[in-house]
Amino acid sequence: MSTRTSLSFEELKRLRQLQSNVINGIPVDLPDDLVKYWNLNTKELHLKLGDLLFQRSPKSNLVIPYPYKEFGLSIFYGTTIKELVKDGNYDWASSDVSAENFEEDFKEDVKDTKVFLINFKRSISSRDAISEMDKYGLRPAALKELLSFGFKYPDEQKKNPIVALGSCHFVIQGTIYATVP
């Protein structure tokens, strides 16, 4: 655990409030054997609290300061864009989402990977979103990744808009559009 030695008064006040909230959130009816376990394993307790507070995923150890969801996904690179759009069973698809406007990347047939949906909790430009992702070793999804995600998790796009900034299409007067399922 790292500590900072100089905190402003406001930062210290917020930290003390967080500490109080954590302490007050501990149930008073914890079984005695569990209390003994955590008292003997304080390092593990601190790691678990750190995972929770930093929103680290136990699967990836990703640490980002934004709410996110992690999904396992198979990317179907060997499938055409047209087939992926058809297989996604979308209510509507722009005619601009086509092989003519997006490069068909046939790197490999299928690749298993992890996908992270990040909610920046504010309006953010594409450039700033990509910059934020880059800070955490992430890159924006490309079109085939987005379409593969939409196929496997069709209900996610109904909860919030999902944008893939890794594939862009230039149209009228140089305007850039990112792909959205």
N, C-alpha and C. Protein backbone atom coordinates (compact mmCIF):
# COMPACT_ATOMS: atom_id res chain seq x y z
N MET A 1 0.85 -1.18 0.00
CA MET A 1 0.00 0.00 0.00
C MET A 1 0.89 1.23 0.00
N SER A 2 0.66 2.15 -0.92
CA SER A 2 1.46 3.37 -0.96
C SER A 2 0.71 4.49 -0.26
N THR A 3 1.45 5.38 0.32
CA THR A 3 0.83 6.52 1.00
C THR A 3 1.45 7.80 0.48
N ARG A 4 0.68 8.84 0.51
CA ARG A 4 1.17 10.16 0.16
C ARG A 4 1.39 10.91 1.45
N THR A 5 2.45 11.67 1.52
CA THR A 5 2.75 12.35 2.77
C THR A 5 2.11 13.72 2.88
N SER A 6 1.83 14.36 1.77
CA SER A 6 1.25 15.69 1.86
C SER A 6 -0.13 15.73 1.21
N LEU A 7 -1.14 15.88 2.03
CA LEU A 7 -2.51 15.99 1.56
C LEU A 7 -3.04 17.38 1.91
N SER A 8 -3.81 17.93 1.00
CA SER A 8 -4.45 19.20 1.33
C SER A 8 -5.53 18.94 2.38
N PHE A 9 -5.99 19.97 3.00
CA PHE A 9 -7.03 19.82 4.01
C PHE A 9 -8.27 19.16 3.42
N GLU A 10 -8.67 19.58 2.21
CA GLU A 10 -9.86 19.00 1.57
C GLU A 10 -9.64 17.54 1.22
N GLU A 11 -8.45 17.19 0.72
CA GLU A 11 -8.16 15.79 0.41
C GLU A 11 -8.19 14.93 1.67
N LEU A 12 -7.60 15.44 2.74
CA LEU A 12 -7.59 14.71 4.01
C LEU A 12 -9.01 14.53 4.54
N LYS A 13 -9.83 15.56 4.41
CA LYS A 13 -11.21 15.50 4.86
C LYS A 13 -11.98 14.42 4.08
N ARG A 14 -11.79 14.38 2.73
CA ARG A 14 -12.46 13.37 1.91
C ARG A 14 -11.96 11.96 2.24
N LEU A 15 -10.65 11.82 2.49
CA LEU A 15 -10.09 10.52 2.84
C LEU A 15 -10.65 10.03 4.17
N ARG A 16 -10.74 10.91 5.15
CA ARG A 16 -11.27 10.52 6.46
C ARG A 16 -12.76 10.14 6.35
N GLN A 17 -13.49 10.82 5.50
CA GLN A 17 -14.90 10.48 5.28
C GLN A 17 -15.01 9.09 4.66
N LEU A 18 -14.14 8.79 3.66
CA LEU A 18 -14.14 7.47 3.05
C LEU A 18 -13.79 6.40 4.09
N GLN A 19 -12.77 6.65 4.90
CA GLN A 19 -12.41 5.68 5.94
C GLN A 19 -13.59 5.44 6.88
N SER A 20 -14.26 6.48 7.27
CA SER A 20 -15.42 6.35 8.15
C SER A 20 -16.52 5.54 7.47
N ASN A 21 -16.77 5.80 6.18
CA ASN A 21 -17.79 5.06 5.44
C ASN A 21 -17.45 3.57 5.35
N VAL A 22 -16.17 3.26 5.15
CA VAL A 22 -15.75 1.86 5.08
C VAL A 22 -15.96 1.19 6.43
N ILE A 23 -15.53 1.84 7.49
CA ILE A 23 -15.67 1.27 8.84
C ILE A 23 -17.15 1.09 9.19
N ASN A 24 -17.96 2.09 8.91
CA ASN A 24 -19.38 2.00 9.24
C ASN A 24 -20.12 0.97 8.40
N GLY A 25 -19.52 0.57 7.26
CA GLY A 25 -20.15 -0.41 6.41
C GLY A 25 -19.87 -1.86 6.80
N ILE A 26 -18.98 -2.06 7.78
CA ILE A 26 -18.66 -3.42 8.21
C ILE A 26 -19.81 -3.94 9.06
N PRO A 27 -20.42 -5.06 8.66
CA PRO A 27 -21.55 -5.59 9.42
C PRO A 27 -21.11 -5.99 10.84
N VAL A 28 -21.94 -5.68 11.82
CA VAL A 28 -21.62 -6.02 13.22
C VAL A 28 -21.87 -7.50 13.51
N ASP A 29 -22.58 -8.17 12.63
CA ASP A 29 -22.90 -9.58 12.87
C ASP A 29 -22.01 -10.53 12.07
N LEU A 30 -20.76 -10.12 11.77
CA LEU A 30 -19.84 -11.01 11.08
C LEU A 30 -19.53 -12.21 11.97
N PRO A 31 -19.47 -13.40 11.40
CA PRO A 31 -19.11 -14.57 12.21
C PRO A 31 -17.71 -14.40 12.81
N ASP A 32 -17.53 -14.89 14.03
CA ASP A 32 -16.28 -14.71 14.74
C ASP A 32 -15.10 -15.32 13.98
N ASP A 33 -15.31 -16.47 13.32
CA ASP A 33 -14.20 -17.09 12.58
C ASP A 33 -13.77 -16.21 11.40
N LEU A 34 -14.70 -15.48 10.80
CA LEU A 34 -14.37 -14.57 9.72
C LEU A 34 -13.61 -13.35 10.25
N VAL A 35 -14.02 -12.83 11.38
CA VAL A 35 -13.31 -11.71 12.01
C VAL A 35 -11.87 -12.13 12.32
N LYS A 36 -11.69 -13.33 12.89
CA LYS A 36 -10.35 -13.84 13.20
C LYS A 36 -9.52 -13.98 11.92
N TYR A 37 -10.15 -14.51 10.86
CA TYR A 37 -9.44 -14.69 9.60
C TYR A 37 -8.88 -13.36 9.08
N TRP A 38 -9.74 -12.35 9.01
CA TRP A 38 -9.31 -11.05 8.48
C TRP A 38 -8.30 -10.38 9.39
N ASN A 39 -8.41 -10.60 10.70
CA ASN A 39 -7.42 -10.04 11.63
C ASN A 39 -6.05 -10.70 11.46
N LEU A 40 -6.02 -11.96 11.07
CA LEU A 40 -4.76 -12.66 10.83
C LEU A 40 -4.22 -12.44 9.42
N ASN A 41 -5.07 -12.01 8.51
CA ASN A 41 -4.69 -11.84 7.10
C ASN A 41 -4.93 -10.40 6.64
N THR A 42 -4.32 -9.47 7.34
CA THR A 42 -4.56 -8.05 7.05
C THR A 42 -4.05 -7.65 5.67
N LYS A 43 -2.95 -8.27 5.21
CA LYS A 43 -2.45 -7.91 3.88
C LYS A 43 -3.48 -8.27 2.81
N GLU A 44 -4.06 -9.47 2.93
CA GLU A 44 -5.10 -9.89 1.98
C GLU A 44 -6.32 -8.97 2.08
N LEU A 45 -6.68 -8.59 3.31
CA LEU A 45 -7.80 -7.66 3.51
C LEU A 45 -7.53 -6.34 2.81
N HIS A 46 -6.31 -5.82 2.95
CA HIS A 46 -5.97 -4.55 2.31
C HIS A 46 -6.01 -4.66 0.80
N LEU A 47 -5.55 -5.82 0.27
CA LEU A 47 -5.62 -6.03 -1.18
C LEU A 47 -7.06 -6.07 -1.67
N LYS A 48 -7.93 -6.79 -0.94
CA LYS A 48 -9.35 -6.87 -1.31
C LYS A 48 -10.00 -5.49 -1.27
N LEU A 49 -9.71 -4.71 -0.23
CA LEU A 49 -10.26 -3.36 -0.14
C LEU A 49 -9.73 -2.49 -1.29
N GLY A 50 -8.44 -2.65 -1.60
CA GLY A 50 -7.87 -1.91 -2.72
C GLY A 50 -8.54 -2.27 -4.03
N ASP A 51 -8.78 -3.59 -4.23
CA ASP A 51 -9.47 -4.02 -5.46
C ASP A 51 -10.84 -3.36 -5.56
N LEU A 52 -11.55 -3.33 -4.45
CA LEU A 52 -12.89 -2.74 -4.43
C LEU A 52 -12.83 -1.23 -4.67
N LEU A 53 -11.97 -0.54 -3.93
CA LEU A 53 -11.93 0.92 -4.01
C LEU A 53 -11.36 1.42 -5.33
N PHE A 54 -10.39 0.70 -5.89
CA PHE A 54 -9.82 1.10 -7.17
C PHE A 54 -10.56 0.49 -8.35
N GLN A 55 -11.60 -0.29 -8.07
CA GLN A 55 -12.40 -0.96 -9.09
C GLN A 55 -11.52 -1.86 -9.96
N ARG A 56 -10.60 -2.59 -9.32
CA ARG A 56 -9.77 -3.55 -10.04
C ARG A 56 -10.59 -4.79 -10.33
N SER A 57 -10.43 -5.29 -11.51
CA SER A 57 -11.09 -6.54 -11.87
C SER A 57 -10.22 -7.69 -11.39
N PRO A 58 -10.78 -8.64 -10.66
CA PRO A 58 -9.97 -9.77 -10.22
C PRO A 58 -9.41 -10.57 -11.39
N LYS A 59 -10.07 -10.51 -12.55
CA LYS A 59 -9.61 -11.28 -13.71
C LYS A 59 -8.42 -10.59 -14.39
N SER A 60 -8.41 -9.28 -14.44
CA SER A 60 -7.41 -8.60 -15.24
C SER A 60 -6.48 -7.70 -14.45
N ASN A 61 -6.80 -7.41 -13.21
CA ASN A 61 -6.04 -6.47 -12.39
C ASN A 61 -6.05 -5.06 -12.97
N LEU A 62 -7.03 -4.77 -13.80
CA LEU A 62 -7.16 -3.45 -14.39
C LEU A 62 -7.59 -2.46 -13.31
N VAL A 63 -6.91 -1.32 -13.26
CA VAL A 63 -7.26 -0.29 -12.30
C VAL A 63 -7.63 0.97 -13.07
N ILE A 64 -8.89 1.35 -13.05
CA ILE A 64 -9.31 2.59 -13.67
C ILE A 64 -10.27 3.29 -12.72
N PRO A 65 -10.30 4.61 -12.76
CA PRO A 65 -11.14 5.35 -11.82
C PRO A 65 -12.56 5.58 -12.31
N TYR A 66 -13.04 4.76 -13.24
CA TYR A 66 -14.37 4.91 -13.80
C TYR A 66 -15.13 3.60 -13.63
N PRO A 67 -16.46 3.68 -13.53
CA PRO A 67 -17.23 2.42 -13.52
C PRO A 67 -17.05 1.70 -14.86
N TYR A 68 -16.86 0.38 -14.80
CA TYR A 68 -16.73 -0.39 -16.02
C TYR A 68 -17.26 -1.79 -15.82
N LYS A 69 -17.53 -2.44 -16.95
CA LYS A 69 -17.93 -3.86 -16.96
C LYS A 69 -16.93 -4.60 -17.83
N GLU A 70 -16.62 -5.80 -17.44
CA GLU A 70 -15.69 -6.63 -18.20
C GLU A 70 -16.45 -7.82 -18.79
N PHE A 71 -16.17 -8.11 -20.07
CA PHE A 71 -16.85 -9.20 -20.76
C PHE A 71 -15.82 -10.06 -21.49
N GLY A 72 -16.04 -11.37 -21.48
CA GLY A 72 -15.27 -12.27 -22.33
C GLY A 72 -15.91 -12.25 -23.72
N LEU A 73 -15.10 -12.31 -24.76
CA LEU A 73 -15.65 -12.19 -26.10
C LEU A 73 -14.79 -12.90 -27.12
N SER A 74 -15.42 -13.55 -28.07
CA SER A 74 -14.75 -14.11 -29.25
C SER A 74 -15.00 -13.15 -30.40
N ILE A 75 -13.91 -12.67 -31.00
CA ILE A 75 -14.01 -11.74 -32.14
C ILE A 75 -13.94 -12.57 -33.42
N PHE A 76 -14.92 -12.40 -34.28
CA PHE A 76 -15.00 -13.18 -35.52
C PHE A 76 -14.39 -12.38 -36.68
N TYR A 77 -13.05 -12.34 -36.74
CA TYR A 77 -12.38 -11.57 -37.78
C TYR A 77 -12.58 -12.18 -39.16
N GLY A 78 -12.78 -13.48 -39.24
CA GLY A 78 -12.94 -14.14 -40.53
C GLY A 78 -14.31 -13.92 -41.15
N THR A 79 -15.23 -13.29 -40.43
CA THR A 79 -16.58 -13.03 -40.92
C THR A 79 -16.63 -11.63 -41.52
N THR A 80 -17.40 -11.45 -42.56
CA THR A 80 -17.49 -10.13 -43.19
C THR A 80 -18.33 -9.19 -42.33
N ILE A 81 -18.16 -7.90 -42.55
CA ILE A 81 -18.95 -6.89 -41.85
C ILE A 81 -20.43 -7.10 -42.14
N LYS A 82 -20.74 -7.37 -43.39
CA LYS A 82 -22.14 -7.58 -43.77
C LYS A 82 -22.75 -8.74 -42.99
N GLU A 83 -22.01 -9.85 -42.85
CA GLU A 83 -22.51 -11.01 -42.11
C GLU A 83 -22.67 -10.69 -40.62
N LEU A 84 -21.71 -9.95 -40.06
CA LEU A 84 -21.79 -9.60 -38.64
C LEU A 84 -22.99 -8.70 -38.35
N VAL A 85 -23.27 -7.76 -39.25
CA VAL A 85 -24.44 -6.89 -39.07
C VAL A 85 -25.71 -7.73 -39.14
N LYS A 86 -25.77 -8.64 -40.13
CA LYS A 86 -26.95 -9.51 -40.27
C LYS A 86 -27.12 -10.40 -39.04
N ASP A 87 -26.02 -11.02 -38.59
CA ASP A 87 -26.07 -11.92 -37.43
C ASP A 87 -26.42 -11.18 -36.14
N GLY A 88 -26.13 -9.88 -36.08
CA GLY A 88 -26.42 -9.09 -34.88
C GLY A 88 -27.90 -8.81 -34.70
N ASN A 89 -28.69 -9.04 -35.74
CA ASN A 89 -30.14 -8.90 -35.63
C ASN A 89 -30.57 -7.52 -35.11
N TYR A 90 -29.92 -6.47 -35.61
CA TYR A 90 -30.20 -5.11 -35.16
C TYR A 90 -31.54 -4.61 -35.70
N ASP A 91 -32.20 -3.75 -34.94
CA ASP A 91 -33.45 -3.15 -35.40
C ASP A 91 -33.22 -2.30 -36.66
N TRP A 92 -32.03 -1.66 -36.70
CA TRP A 92 -31.70 -0.79 -37.82
C TRP A 92 -30.19 -0.76 -37.95
N ALA A 93 -29.69 -0.69 -39.16
CA ALA A 93 -28.25 -0.58 -39.39
C ALA A 93 -28.03 0.42 -40.52
N SER A 94 -27.12 1.34 -40.31
CA SER A 94 -26.80 2.33 -41.33
C SER A 94 -26.15 1.64 -42.53
N SER A 95 -26.49 2.10 -43.71
CA SER A 95 -25.87 1.55 -44.92
C SER A 95 -24.39 1.91 -44.98
N ASP A 96 -23.96 2.89 -44.17
CA ASP A 96 -22.55 3.26 -44.12
C ASP A 96 -21.69 2.20 -43.43
N VAL A 97 -22.31 1.33 -42.64
CA VAL A 97 -21.56 0.25 -41.98
C VAL A 97 -21.41 -0.87 -42.99
N SER A 98 -20.33 -0.76 -43.77
CA SER A 98 -20.11 -1.70 -44.88
C SER A 98 -18.62 -1.84 -45.15
N ALA A 99 -18.28 -2.85 -45.93
CA ALA A 99 -16.88 -3.08 -46.30
C ALA A 99 -16.32 -1.93 -47.14
N GLU A 100 -17.21 -1.20 -47.83
CA GLU A 100 -16.74 -0.07 -48.65
C GLU A 100 -16.22 1.07 -47.76
N ASN A 101 -16.77 1.21 -46.55
CA ASN A 101 -16.40 2.32 -45.69
C ASN A 101 -15.47 1.93 -44.54
N PHE A 102 -15.37 0.64 -44.26
CA PHE A 102 -14.52 0.17 -43.17
C PHE A 102 -13.64 -0.96 -43.69
N GLU A 103 -12.38 -0.91 -43.32
CA GLU A 103 -11.44 -1.93 -43.75
C GLU A 103 -11.84 -3.30 -43.20
N GLU A 104 -11.84 -4.29 -44.07
CA GLU A 104 -12.12 -5.67 -43.66
C GLU A 104 -10.80 -6.26 -43.16
N ASP A 105 -10.67 -6.39 -41.85
CA ASP A 105 -9.43 -6.93 -41.29
C ASP A 105 -9.59 -8.43 -41.02
N PHE A 106 -8.97 -9.23 -41.87
CA PHE A 106 -9.05 -10.69 -41.74
C PHE A 106 -7.76 -11.21 -41.11
N LYS A 107 -7.36 -10.63 -39.98
CA LYS A 107 -6.11 -11.02 -39.30
C LYS A 107 -6.10 -12.51 -38.96
N GLU A 108 -7.15 -12.95 -38.37
CA GLU A 108 -7.27 -14.35 -37.96
C GLU A 108 -8.75 -14.66 -37.92
N ASP A 109 -9.07 -15.91 -37.81
CA ASP A 109 -10.48 -16.27 -37.86
C ASP A 109 -11.22 -15.84 -36.60
N VAL A 110 -10.83 -16.37 -35.45
CA VAL A 110 -11.50 -16.05 -34.19
C VAL A 110 -10.44 -15.76 -33.14
N LYS A 111 -10.67 -14.74 -32.34
CA LYS A 111 -9.74 -14.42 -31.25
C LYS A 111 -10.56 -14.22 -29.99
N ASP A 112 -10.18 -14.90 -28.91
CA ASP A 112 -10.82 -14.71 -27.62
C ASP A 112 -10.11 -13.58 -26.88
N THR A 113 -10.89 -12.68 -26.33
CA THR A 113 -10.32 -11.52 -25.66
C THR A 113 -11.24 -11.03 -24.56
N LYS A 114 -10.84 -9.97 -23.89
CA LYS A 114 -11.68 -9.30 -22.91
C LYS A 114 -12.05 -7.93 -23.46
N VAL A 115 -13.27 -7.53 -23.20
CA VAL A 115 -13.76 -6.22 -23.62
C VAL A 115 -14.22 -5.48 -22.37
N PHE A 116 -13.90 -4.21 -22.30
CA PHE A 116 -14.30 -3.39 -21.16
C PHE A 116 -15.22 -2.27 -21.64
N LEU A 117 -16.41 -2.19 -21.06
CA LEU A 117 -17.30 -1.05 -21.32
C LEU A 117 -17.04 -0.06 -20.21
N ILE A 118 -16.59 1.12 -20.57
CA ILE A 118 -16.23 2.14 -19.60
C ILE A 118 -17.24 3.26 -19.65
N ASN A 119 -17.73 3.66 -18.48
CA ASN A 119 -18.65 4.79 -18.38
C ASN A 119 -17.87 5.96 -17.78
N PHE A 120 -17.57 6.95 -18.59
CA PHE A 120 -16.78 8.08 -18.13
C PHE A 120 -17.57 9.04 -17.23
N LYS A 121 -18.86 8.81 -17.11
CA LYS A 121 -19.74 9.59 -16.22
C LYS A 121 -19.77 11.07 -16.55
N ARG A 122 -19.46 11.41 -17.80
CA ARG A 122 -19.51 12.80 -18.24
C ARG A 122 -19.41 12.82 -19.76
N SER A 123 -19.74 13.96 -20.34
CA SER A 123 -19.51 14.12 -21.77
C SER A 123 -18.01 14.16 -21.98
N ILE A 124 -17.56 13.46 -23.00
CA ILE A 124 -16.12 13.39 -23.25
C ILE A 124 -15.90 13.31 -24.75
N SER A 125 -14.89 13.99 -25.24
CA SER A 125 -14.59 13.94 -26.67
C SER A 125 -13.96 12.59 -27.00
N SER A 126 -14.03 12.22 -28.25
CA SER A 126 -13.41 10.96 -28.68
C SER A 126 -11.93 10.96 -28.37
N ARG A 127 -11.27 12.07 -28.66
CA ARG A 127 -9.83 12.18 -28.41
C ARG A 127 -9.51 11.99 -26.92
N ASP A 128 -10.29 12.63 -26.04
CA ASP A 128 -10.06 12.50 -24.61
C ASP A 128 -10.37 11.09 -24.11
N ALA A 129 -11.41 10.46 -24.66
CA ALA A 129 -11.75 9.09 -24.27
C ALA A 129 -10.62 8.14 -24.63
N ILE A 130 -10.08 8.29 -25.84
CA ILE A 130 -8.98 7.44 -26.28
C ILE A 130 -7.74 7.69 -25.41
N SER A 131 -7.48 8.94 -25.09
CA SER A 131 -6.36 9.28 -24.22
C SER A 131 -6.51 8.66 -22.84
N GLU A 132 -7.73 8.69 -22.29
CA GLU A 132 -7.99 8.07 -20.98
C GLU A 132 -7.79 6.57 -21.05
N MET A 133 -8.29 5.93 -22.10
CA MET A 133 -8.12 4.48 -22.25
C MET A 133 -6.65 4.12 -22.34
N ASP A 134 -5.90 4.93 -23.09
CA ASP A 134 -4.47 4.67 -23.28
C ASP A 134 -3.72 4.69 -21.95
N LYS A 135 -4.13 5.55 -21.03
CA LYS A 135 -3.48 5.63 -19.71
C LYS A 135 -3.54 4.30 -18.97
N TYR A 136 -4.55 3.49 -19.27
CA TYR A 136 -4.76 2.24 -18.56
C TYR A 136 -4.45 1.02 -19.42
N GLY A 137 -3.73 1.25 -20.52
CA GLY A 137 -3.32 0.14 -21.37
C GLY A 137 -4.45 -0.44 -22.21
N LEU A 138 -5.49 0.34 -22.44
CA LEU A 138 -6.62 -0.11 -23.25
C LEU A 138 -6.60 0.61 -24.58
N ARG A 139 -7.25 0.03 -25.56
CA ARG A 139 -7.40 0.69 -26.85
C ARG A 139 -8.88 0.65 -27.22
N PRO A 140 -9.30 1.57 -28.07
CA PRO A 140 -10.71 1.55 -28.49
C PRO A 140 -11.00 0.33 -29.36
N ALA A 141 -12.22 -0.16 -29.27
CA ALA A 141 -12.64 -1.30 -30.07
C ALA A 141 -12.82 -0.90 -31.53
N ALA A 142 -12.57 -1.84 -32.40
CA ALA A 142 -12.79 -1.65 -33.84
C ALA A 142 -14.17 -2.20 -34.21
N LEU A 143 -14.56 -1.99 -35.44
CA LEU A 143 -15.91 -2.34 -35.88
C LEU A 143 -16.25 -3.81 -35.69
N LYS A 144 -15.38 -4.72 -36.12
CA LYS A 144 -15.70 -6.15 -35.99
C LYS A 144 -15.80 -6.56 -34.52
N GLU A 145 -15.04 -5.90 -33.67
CA GLU A 145 -15.12 -6.17 -32.23
C GLU A 145 -16.46 -5.69 -31.68
N LEU A 146 -16.89 -4.52 -32.12
CA LEU A 146 -18.18 -3.97 -31.71
C LEU A 146 -19.33 -4.87 -32.17
N LEU A 147 -19.28 -5.29 -33.43
CA LEU A 147 -20.35 -6.14 -33.96
C LEU A 147 -20.36 -7.51 -33.30
N SER A 148 -19.20 -8.06 -33.00
CA SER A 148 -19.13 -9.34 -32.29
C SER A 148 -19.69 -9.19 -30.88
N PHE A 149 -19.41 -8.04 -30.23
CA PHE A 149 -19.95 -7.77 -28.91
C PHE A 149 -21.48 -7.66 -28.97
N GLY A 150 -21.98 -6.94 -29.95
CA GLY A 150 -23.43 -6.78 -30.12
C GLY A 150 -24.14 -8.09 -30.37
N PHE A 151 -23.46 -9.01 -31.06
CA PHE A 151 -24.03 -10.33 -31.32
C PHE A 151 -24.12 -11.14 -30.03
N LYS A 152 -23.04 -11.14 -29.25
CA LYS A 152 -23.00 -11.96 -28.03
C LYS A 152 -23.80 -11.35 -26.88
N TYR A 153 -23.79 -10.03 -26.77
CA TYR A 153 -24.46 -9.34 -25.65
C TYR A 153 -25.47 -8.33 -26.18
N PRO A 154 -26.54 -8.77 -26.84
CA PRO A 154 -27.47 -7.84 -27.49
C PRO A 154 -28.19 -6.90 -26.52
N ASP A 155 -28.35 -7.27 -25.27
CA ASP A 155 -29.09 -6.41 -24.33
C ASP A 155 -28.25 -5.26 -23.78
N GLU A 156 -26.93 -5.35 -23.87
CA GLU A 156 -26.08 -4.29 -23.32
C GLU A 156 -26.31 -2.95 -24.01
N GLN A 157 -26.51 -2.97 -25.34
CA GLN A 157 -26.71 -1.72 -26.07
C GLN A 157 -28.06 -1.08 -25.75
N LYS A 158 -28.95 -1.85 -25.13
CA LYS A 158 -30.25 -1.29 -24.73
C LYS A 158 -30.14 -0.55 -23.41
N LYS A 159 -29.10 -0.85 -22.63
CA LYS A 159 -28.89 -0.19 -21.33
C LYS A 159 -28.23 1.17 -21.50
N ASN A 160 -27.23 1.25 -22.36
CA ASN A 160 -26.48 2.48 -22.61
C ASN A 160 -25.92 2.44 -24.02
N PRO A 161 -25.72 3.58 -24.64
CA PRO A 161 -25.07 3.58 -25.96
C PRO A 161 -23.65 3.03 -25.82
N ILE A 162 -23.21 2.28 -26.81
CA ILE A 162 -21.86 1.72 -26.83
C ILE A 162 -21.18 2.23 -28.09
N VAL A 163 -20.01 2.79 -27.94
CA VAL A 163 -19.30 3.40 -29.05
C VAL A 163 -17.95 2.71 -29.22
N ALA A 164 -17.59 2.39 -30.45
CA ALA A 164 -16.27 1.84 -30.77
C ALA A 164 -15.49 2.91 -31.51
N LEU A 165 -14.49 3.46 -30.87
CA LEU A 165 -13.74 4.56 -31.46
C LEU A 165 -12.55 4.09 -32.29
N GLY A 166 -12.35 2.78 -32.40
CA GLY A 166 -11.23 2.25 -33.15
C GLY A 166 -11.48 2.15 -34.64
N SER A 167 -12.70 2.33 -35.08
CA SER A 167 -13.05 2.33 -36.50
C SER A 167 -13.88 3.58 -36.76
N CYS A 168 -13.38 4.44 -37.64
CA CYS A 168 -14.11 5.67 -37.94
C CYS A 168 -14.35 5.77 -39.44
N HIS A 169 -15.37 6.53 -39.78
CA HIS A 169 -15.77 6.69 -41.17
C HIS A 169 -15.93 8.19 -41.44
N PHE A 170 -15.25 8.68 -42.48
CA PHE A 170 -15.34 10.09 -42.85
C PHE A 170 -16.49 10.26 -43.83
N VAL A 171 -17.35 11.23 -43.55
CA VAL A 171 -18.44 11.52 -44.48
C VAL A 171 -18.52 13.02 -44.71
N ILE A 172 -19.64 13.50 -45.11
CA ILE A 172 -19.89 14.88 -45.51
C ILE A 172 -18.98 15.89 -44.82
N GLN A 173 -18.25 16.65 -45.62
CA GLN A 173 -17.39 17.74 -45.18
C GLN A 173 -16.39 17.32 -44.11
N GLY A 174 -15.87 16.11 -44.21
CA GLY A 174 -14.81 15.67 -43.31
C GLY A 174 -15.25 15.30 -41.91
N THR A 175 -16.55 15.26 -41.64
CA THR A 175 -17.02 14.88 -40.31
C THR A 175 -16.68 13.42 -40.07
N ILE A 176 -16.18 13.13 -38.86
CA ILE A 176 -15.82 11.76 -38.51
C ILE A 176 -16.93 11.17 -37.65
N TYR A 177 -17.37 9.98 -38.00
CA TYR A 177 -18.37 9.28 -37.21
C TYR A 177 -17.78 7.99 -36.68
N ALA A 178 -17.96 7.73 -35.39
CA ALA A 178 -17.57 6.46 -34.81
C ALA A 178 -18.74 5.50 -34.96
N THR A 179 -18.43 4.22 -34.83
CA THR A 179 -19.49 3.22 -34.98
C THR A 179 -20.22 2.97 -33.67
N VAL A 180 -21.52 2.89 -33.78
CA VAL A 180 -22.40 2.62 -32.63
C VAL A 180 -23.37 1.55 -33.08
N PRO A 181 -23.57 0.48 -32.25
CA PRO A 181 -24.50 -0.57 -32.71
C PRO A 181 -25.93 -0.06 -32.73
